[in-house]
Amino acid sequence: MAAGTIGPCTEDRGNPSDDIRRSRRVRRRLPLIELMLLVASIAVCAAFVLDWLG
């Protein structure tokens, strides 16, 4: 039983490095998504203001 549990543990130790790399990739993509959301929200607000003024 112990030998069976040690195997997955060693495999799990290697996986967090891959997860960290994935999280870094996600962190790099998040600012782009946030910028797109900000631009979209500003465009919607501008459209409402223009409709309200016009």
N, C-alpha and C. Protein backbone atom coordinates (compact mmCIF):
# COMPACT_ATOMS: atom_id res chain seq x y z
N MET A 1 0.83 -1.20 0.00
CA MET A 1 0.00 0.00 0.00
C MET A 1 0.87 1.25 0.00
N ALA A 2 1.94 1.23 0.82
CA ALA A 2 2.79 2.42 0.92
C ALA A 2 3.49 2.70 -0.41
N ALA A 3 3.96 1.63 -1.08
CA ALA A 3 4.64 1.83 -2.35
C ALA A 3 3.68 2.42 -3.39
N GLY A 4 2.43 2.02 -3.32
CA GLY A 4 1.45 2.54 -4.26
C GLY A 4 1.16 4.01 -4.03
N THR A 5 1.25 4.44 -2.77
CA THR A 5 0.96 5.84 -2.47
C THR A 5 2.16 6.73 -2.77
N ILE A 6 3.37 6.15 -2.71
CA ILE A 6 4.56 6.97 -2.97
C ILE A 6 4.63 7.34 -4.45
N GLY A 7 4.23 6.42 -5.33
CA GLY A 7 4.29 6.71 -6.77
C GLY A 7 3.49 7.94 -7.16
N PRO A 8 2.21 8.00 -6.83
CA PRO A 8 1.42 9.19 -7.17
C PRO A 8 1.97 10.46 -6.53
N CYS A 9 2.55 10.33 -5.33
CA CYS A 9 3.09 11.53 -4.67
C CYS A 9 4.25 12.10 -5.48
N THR A 10 5.13 11.20 -5.96
CA THR A 10 6.25 11.70 -6.75
C THR A 10 5.76 12.30 -8.06
N GLU A 11 4.71 11.71 -8.63
CA GLU A 11 4.15 12.27 -9.86
C GLU A 11 3.51 13.62 -9.58
N ASP A 12 2.85 13.74 -8.43
CA ASP A 12 2.21 15.00 -8.07
C ASP A 12 3.24 16.08 -7.82
N ARG A 13 4.43 15.67 -7.36
CA ARG A 13 5.47 16.68 -7.13
C ARG A 13 5.94 17.29 -8.44
N GLY A 14 5.88 16.52 -9.51
CA GLY A 14 6.28 17.06 -10.81
C GLY A 14 5.19 17.91 -11.44
N ASN A 15 3.95 17.65 -11.10
CA ASN A 15 2.83 18.37 -11.71
C ASN A 15 2.73 19.84 -11.30
N PRO A 16 2.99 20.20 -10.04
CA PRO A 16 2.86 21.62 -9.67
C PRO A 16 3.71 22.54 -10.52
N SER A 17 4.88 22.08 -10.97
CA SER A 17 5.70 22.94 -11.84
C SER A 17 4.94 23.21 -13.14
N ASP A 18 4.27 22.21 -13.67
CA ASP A 18 3.47 22.42 -14.87
C ASP A 18 2.29 23.34 -14.57
N ASP A 19 1.69 23.17 -13.38
CA ASP A 19 0.57 24.03 -13.00
C ASP A 19 1.04 25.47 -12.86
N ILE A 20 2.25 25.66 -12.29
CA ILE A 20 2.79 27.01 -12.13
C ILE A 20 3.03 27.63 -13.51
N ARG A 21 3.55 26.83 -14.44
CA ARG A 21 3.76 27.35 -15.80
C ARG A 21 2.42 27.72 -16.43
N ARG A 22 1.41 26.91 -16.21
CA ARG A 22 0.09 27.21 -16.75
C ARG A 22 -0.47 28.47 -16.12
N SER A 23 -0.27 28.63 -14.79
CA SER A 23 -0.79 29.82 -14.11
C SER A 23 -0.07 31.06 -14.62
N ARG A 24 1.23 30.94 -14.93
CA ARG A 24 1.95 32.09 -15.49
C ARG A 24 1.37 32.46 -16.85
N ARG A 25 1.05 31.45 -17.65
CA ARG A 25 0.45 31.72 -18.96
C ARG A 25 -0.91 32.37 -18.78
N VAL A 26 -1.67 31.91 -17.81
CA VAL A 26 -3.00 32.49 -17.57
C VAL A 26 -2.85 33.92 -17.08
N ARG A 27 -1.86 34.16 -16.21
CA ARG A 27 -1.65 35.52 -15.71
C ARG A 27 -1.27 36.46 -16.84
N ARG A 28 -0.55 35.96 -17.83
CA ARG A 28 -0.18 36.82 -18.96
C ARG A 28 -1.41 37.12 -19.83
N ARG A 29 -2.35 36.20 -19.89
CA ARG A 29 -3.53 36.39 -20.73
C ARG A 29 -4.58 37.23 -20.03
N LEU A 30 -4.62 37.23 -18.70
CA LEU A 30 -5.65 37.96 -17.98
C LEU A 30 -5.63 39.45 -18.26
N PRO A 31 -4.46 40.12 -18.25
CA PRO A 31 -4.48 41.56 -18.54
C PRO A 31 -5.11 41.88 -19.89
N LEU A 32 -4.88 41.05 -20.89
CA LEU A 32 -5.48 41.28 -22.20
C LEU A 32 -7.00 41.18 -22.11
N ILE A 33 -7.47 40.19 -21.38
CA ILE A 33 -8.92 40.03 -21.22
C ILE A 33 -9.49 41.22 -20.46
N GLU A 34 -8.78 41.65 -19.41
CA GLU A 34 -9.25 42.80 -18.64
C GLU A 34 -9.28 44.05 -19.50
N LEU A 35 -8.27 44.25 -20.33
CA LEU A 35 -8.25 45.42 -21.21
C LEU A 35 -9.41 45.38 -22.19
N MET A 36 -9.69 44.20 -22.72
CA MET A 36 -10.82 44.08 -23.65
C MET A 36 -12.13 44.39 -22.94
N LEU A 37 -12.28 43.92 -21.70
CA LEU A 37 -13.50 44.21 -20.95
C LEU A 37 -13.61 45.70 -20.65
N LEU A 38 -12.50 46.34 -20.32
CA LEU A 38 -12.52 47.77 -20.04
C LEU A 38 -12.91 48.55 -21.29
N VAL A 39 -12.33 48.19 -22.42
CA VAL A 39 -12.66 48.87 -23.67
C VAL A 39 -14.13 48.67 -24.02
N ALA A 40 -14.62 47.46 -23.83
CA ALA A 40 -16.03 47.19 -24.12
C ALA A 40 -16.94 47.99 -23.20
N SER A 41 -16.60 48.06 -21.92
CA SER A 41 -17.45 48.81 -20.98
C SER A 41 -17.43 50.29 -21.30
N ILE A 42 -16.26 50.82 -21.67
CA ILE A 42 -16.17 52.24 -22.03
C ILE A 42 -16.99 52.51 -23.29
N ALA A 43 -16.93 51.60 -24.25
CA ALA A 43 -17.71 51.77 -25.48
C ALA A 43 -19.21 51.77 -25.18
N VAL A 44 -19.64 50.89 -24.30
CA VAL A 44 -21.06 50.83 -23.94
C VAL A 44 -21.47 52.11 -23.23
N CYS A 45 -20.63 52.58 -22.30
CA CYS A 45 -20.95 53.83 -21.58
C CYS A 45 -21.00 55.00 -22.56
N ALA A 46 -20.06 55.04 -23.49
CA ALA A 46 -20.05 56.13 -24.47
C ALA A 46 -21.31 56.08 -25.33
N ALA A 47 -21.74 54.90 -25.70
CA ALA A 47 -22.96 54.77 -26.51
C ALA A 47 -24.17 55.28 -25.74
N PHE A 48 -24.27 54.94 -24.46
CA PHE A 48 -25.39 55.43 -23.65
C PHE A 48 -25.35 56.94 -23.52
N VAL A 49 -24.16 57.51 -23.32
CA VAL A 49 -24.04 58.96 -23.17
C VAL A 49 -24.42 59.65 -24.47
N LEU A 50 -23.95 59.13 -25.59
CA LEU A 50 -24.29 59.74 -26.88
C LEU A 50 -25.79 59.65 -27.14
N ASP A 51 -26.40 58.53 -26.80
CA ASP A 51 -27.84 58.40 -26.98
C ASP A 51 -28.58 59.37 -26.06
N TRP A 52 -28.07 59.54 -24.85
CA TRP A 52 -28.73 60.43 -23.88
C TRP A 52 -28.60 61.89 -24.33
N LEU A 53 -27.44 62.24 -24.88
CA LEU A 53 -27.23 63.61 -25.35
C LEU A 53 -27.99 63.86 -26.64
N GLY A 54 -28.04 62.86 -27.50
CA GLY A 54 -28.68 63.05 -28.79
C GLY A 54 -30.16 62.82 -28.70
